[in-house]
């Protein structure tokens, strides 16, 4: 489909120029694994002054996201079919992202697949470089093993990230969740424990 929402990073300069991409200046937030856009589009509607980039590898989901964004006339949303590690390493300018969202990624539970997990030291180096001081970190998973893994990886970057872990395990607490993503709605309804890491990018370290 022709869309002003979808873009091909390889067809643009490296690093990207956010002002050129959006046709305006403003803070930039990135969601990895944005799916059909429930969280991304909702946040874009709430914060029209912010520019939002969604990364998703499923083409069908991207098309749905673009259709919804265009129907809602959201000029502050762009999305691409791109792997997050490559995108941050090659395309994201230094100190240019004000928030990073990773909600319910594939936990790759088998040990031989742990190398596929996004939150690893090499990615955190690129993420640290990309985030502005004070930038928001917003991570969520339903997998306790991946939660512990992320905490361990982030602990190695304690000079750069200030984090606050939280678990929601009781049915009463789960019932209070707003359901930011389709997975969050599904997991909360099933009574599955959910794990959150929120925080921020510290100073220039």
Protein backbone atom coordinates (compact mmCIF):
# COMPACT_ATOMS: atom_id res chain seq x y z
CA UNK A 1 0.00 0.00 0.00
CA UNK A 2 1.07 3.60 -0.57
CA UNK A 3 1.40 5.26 2.79
CA UNK A 4 3.05 8.29 4.35
CA UNK A 5 3.25 6.27 7.58
CA UNK A 6 5.49 3.44 6.38
CA UNK A 7 9.10 4.14 5.49
CA UNK A 8 12.14 2.20 4.29
CA UNK A 9 15.20 3.09 6.40
CA UNK A 10 17.61 1.93 3.68
CA UNK A 11 16.18 4.53 1.33
CA UNK A 12 17.07 7.35 3.72
CA UNK A 13 20.33 8.83 4.93
CA UNK A 14 22.27 7.37 7.84
CA UNK A 15 21.71 8.40 10.53
CA UNK A 16 18.10 9.35 10.01
CA UNK A 17 17.03 12.95 10.25
CA UNK A 18 13.88 12.88 12.37
CA UNK A 19 12.80 16.36 11.23
CA UNK A 20 12.95 15.24 7.60
CA UNK A 21 11.13 11.99 8.35
CA UNK A 22 8.23 13.68 10.14
CA UNK A 23 8.29 17.04 8.41
CA UNK A 24 8.60 18.73 11.76
CA UNK A 25 10.77 18.82 14.86
CA UNK A 26 9.81 17.37 18.25
CA UNK A 27 10.63 14.63 20.77
CA UNK A 28 10.88 11.11 19.33
CA UNK A 29 9.67 7.90 20.96
CA UNK A 30 10.39 4.41 19.58
CA UNK A 31 8.37 1.25 20.18
CA UNK A 32 9.91 -2.08 19.19
CA UNK A 33 7.40 -4.76 18.22
CA UNK A 34 4.50 -2.35 17.85
CA UNK A 35 2.18 -4.96 16.31
CA UNK A 36 -1.04 -3.43 14.99
CA UNK A 37 -0.35 -0.26 16.92
CA UNK A 38 -2.71 -0.33 19.90
CA UNK A 39 -0.15 1.19 22.27
CA UNK A 40 1.68 3.35 19.73
CA UNK A 41 -1.43 4.92 18.20
CA UNK A 42 -3.03 5.48 21.59
CA UNK A 43 0.05 7.28 22.83
CA UNK A 44 0.30 9.28 19.61
CA UNK A 45 -3.26 10.52 20.08
CA UNK A 46 -2.52 11.50 23.68
CA UNK A 47 0.71 13.31 22.77
CA UNK A 48 0.30 15.05 19.40
CA UNK A 49 3.43 17.11 20.07
CA UNK A 50 5.60 13.95 20.11
CA UNK A 51 6.81 11.98 17.07
CA UNK A 52 6.43 8.19 17.27
CA UNK A 53 8.37 5.47 15.43
CA UNK A 54 7.16 1.88 15.46
CA UNK A 55 9.25 -1.13 14.44
CA UNK A 56 7.46 -4.32 13.45
CA UNK A 57 8.57 -7.26 11.30
CA UNK A 58 5.13 -8.64 10.38
CA UNK A 59 4.05 -6.92 7.17
CA UNK A 60 0.34 -7.55 7.80
CA UNK A 61 0.55 -5.84 11.19
CA UNK A 62 2.38 -2.89 9.65
CA UNK A 63 -0.31 -2.46 7.02
CA UNK A 64 -2.99 -2.51 9.71
CA UNK A 65 -1.09 0.04 11.78
CA UNK A 66 -0.67 2.35 8.79
CA UNK A 67 -4.35 2.09 7.86
CA UNK A 68 -5.39 2.92 11.41
CA UNK A 69 -2.95 5.84 11.70
CA UNK A 70 -4.16 7.31 8.41
CA UNK A 71 -7.80 6.83 9.38
CA UNK A 72 -7.08 8.69 12.63
CA UNK A 73 -5.09 11.33 10.71
CA UNK A 74 -2.06 10.92 12.93
CA UNK A 75 0.71 12.90 11.30
CA UNK A 76 3.08 12.07 14.17
CA UNK A 77 3.44 8.32 13.45
CA UNK A 78 5.94 6.50 11.24
CA UNK A 79 6.62 2.75 11.09
CA UNK A 80 9.12 0.44 9.45
CA UNK A 81 9.77 -3.26 8.92
CA UNK A 82 13.21 -3.39 10.48
CA UNK A 83 15.10 -5.32 13.14
CA UNK A 84 15.56 -3.21 16.23
CA UNK A 85 19.25 -3.95 16.80
CA UNK A 86 20.19 -2.90 13.26
CA UNK A 87 17.89 0.11 13.35
CA UNK A 88 19.44 1.51 16.52
CA UNK A 89 22.97 0.70 15.46
CA UNK A 90 22.79 2.16 11.95
CA UNK A 91 19.93 4.63 11.72
CA UNK A 92 19.16 6.26 15.07
CA UNK A 93 21.03 9.54 15.70
CA UNK A 94 22.92 10.01 18.94
CA UNK A 95 20.96 11.54 21.83
CA UNK A 96 17.75 11.81 19.81
CA UNK A 97 15.18 9.46 21.39
CA UNK A 98 13.11 10.55 24.39
CA UNK A 99 11.43 7.20 25.17
CA UNK A 100 11.96 3.51 24.37
CA UNK A 101 9.09 1.03 24.62
CA UNK A 102 9.42 -2.77 24.49
CA UNK A 103 6.17 -4.45 25.50
CA UNK A 104 5.83 -8.24 25.62
CA UNK A 105 8.54 -9.27 23.17
CA UNK A 106 9.18 -12.90 22.28
CA UNK A 107 11.05 -14.17 25.38
CA UNK A 108 13.01 -16.82 23.45
CA UNK A 109 12.83 -19.12 26.49
CA UNK A 110 15.20 -21.86 25.28
CA UNK A 111 18.79 -21.25 26.33
CA UNK A 112 20.14 -21.78 22.82
CA UNK A 113 17.88 -18.93 21.64
CA UNK A 114 18.89 -16.39 24.31
CA UNK A 115 21.20 -14.74 21.79
CA UNK A 116 18.06 -13.60 19.95
CA UNK A 117 16.85 -11.57 22.91
CA UNK A 118 17.02 -7.86 22.22
CA UNK A 119 18.08 -6.70 25.67
CA UNK A 120 21.76 -7.63 25.56
CA UNK A 121 24.93 -5.62 26.25
CA UNK A 122 25.58 -4.82 22.57
CA UNK A 123 22.07 -3.43 22.12
CA UNK A 124 22.18 -1.54 25.41
CA UNK A 125 25.32 0.24 24.20
CA UNK A 126 23.40 1.48 21.16
CA UNK A 127 20.32 2.30 23.22
CA UNK A 128 22.39 4.30 25.70
CA UNK A 129 23.89 6.27 22.83
CA UNK A 130 20.47 6.94 21.26
CA UNK A 131 18.59 8.12 24.34
CA UNK A 132 18.63 11.68 25.61
CA UNK A 133 19.36 12.19 29.32
CA UNK A 134 16.14 11.61 31.23
CA UNK A 135 14.62 9.49 28.44
CA UNK A 136 11.94 7.00 29.50
CA UNK A 137 12.48 3.24 29.56
CA UNK A 138 9.27 1.19 29.36
CA UNK A 139 9.67 -2.61 29.30
CA UNK A 140 7.11 -5.34 29.98
CA UNK A 141 7.00 -9.14 29.77
CA UNK A 142 4.89 -12.05 30.93
CA UNK A 143 7.98 -14.27 31.19
CA UNK A 144 9.73 -14.30 34.57
CA UNK A 145 12.94 -15.64 33.07
CA UNK A 146 13.15 -12.81 30.56
CA UNK A 147 12.32 -10.30 33.30
CA UNK A 148 15.24 -11.55 35.38
CA UNK A 149 17.44 -11.57 32.28
CA UNK A 150 16.62 -7.93 31.48
CA UNK A 151 17.33 -6.88 35.05
CA UNK A 152 20.69 -8.65 34.93
CA UNK A 153 21.64 -7.02 31.64
CA UNK A 154 20.59 -3.56 32.80
CA UNK A 155 22.51 -4.00 36.06
CA UNK A 156 25.69 -3.97 33.97
CA UNK A 157 24.74 -0.47 32.81
CA UNK A 158 23.80 0.90 36.21
CA UNK A 159 25.80 4.06 35.56
CA UNK A 160 23.56 4.83 32.57
CA UNK A 161 20.08 3.55 33.45
CA UNK A 162 18.01 4.06 36.56
CA UNK A 163 15.31 1.39 36.71
CA UNK A 164 12.40 0.30 38.85
CA UNK A 165 11.17 -3.31 38.51
CA UNK A 166 7.62 -4.26 39.42
CA UNK A 167 5.54 -7.43 39.31
CA UNK A 168 1.75 -7.64 39.17
CA UNK A 169 0.61 -11.09 40.17
CA UNK A 170 -2.72 -10.85 42.00
CA UNK A 171 -6.08 -10.93 40.18
CA UNK A 172 -7.21 -7.66 41.76
CA UNK A 173 -4.11 -5.82 40.55
CA UNK A 174 -4.29 -7.42 37.13
CA UNK A 175 -7.90 -6.29 36.80
CA UNK A 176 -6.80 -2.67 37.18
CA UNK A 177 -4.51 -2.72 34.14
CA UNK A 178 -5.63 -0.51 31.29
CA UNK A 179 -4.51 -3.03 28.67
CA UNK A 180 -1.94 -1.10 26.69
CA UNK A 181 -1.44 -3.91 24.18
CA UNK A 182 -3.53 -6.84 22.99
CA UNK A 183 -1.13 -9.17 24.78
CA UNK A 184 -1.52 -7.26 28.03
CA UNK A 185 -5.30 -7.54 27.80
CA UNK A 186 -5.08 -11.27 27.08
CA UNK A 187 -2.53 -12.05 29.78
CA UNK A 188 -4.27 -10.00 32.47
CA UNK A 189 -7.62 -11.66 31.68
CA UNK A 190 -5.96 -15.05 32.05
CA UNK A 191 -4.52 -14.08 35.44
CA UNK A 192 -0.95 -14.45 34.21
CA UNK A 193 1.69 -12.62 36.29
CA UNK A 194 3.13 -9.62 34.46
CA UNK A 195 6.50 -7.95 34.98
CA UNK A 196 7.47 -4.36 34.32
CA UNK A 197 10.69 -2.37 34.20
CA UNK A 198 10.36 1.38 34.06
CA UNK A 199 13.16 3.87 34.37
CA UNK A 200 15.17 6.54 32.67
CA UNK A 201 18.45 7.31 31.00
CA UNK A 202 20.82 8.94 33.45
CA UNK A 203 23.19 11.78 32.52
CA UNK A 204 25.94 11.56 29.94
CA UNK A 205 27.69 8.45 31.36
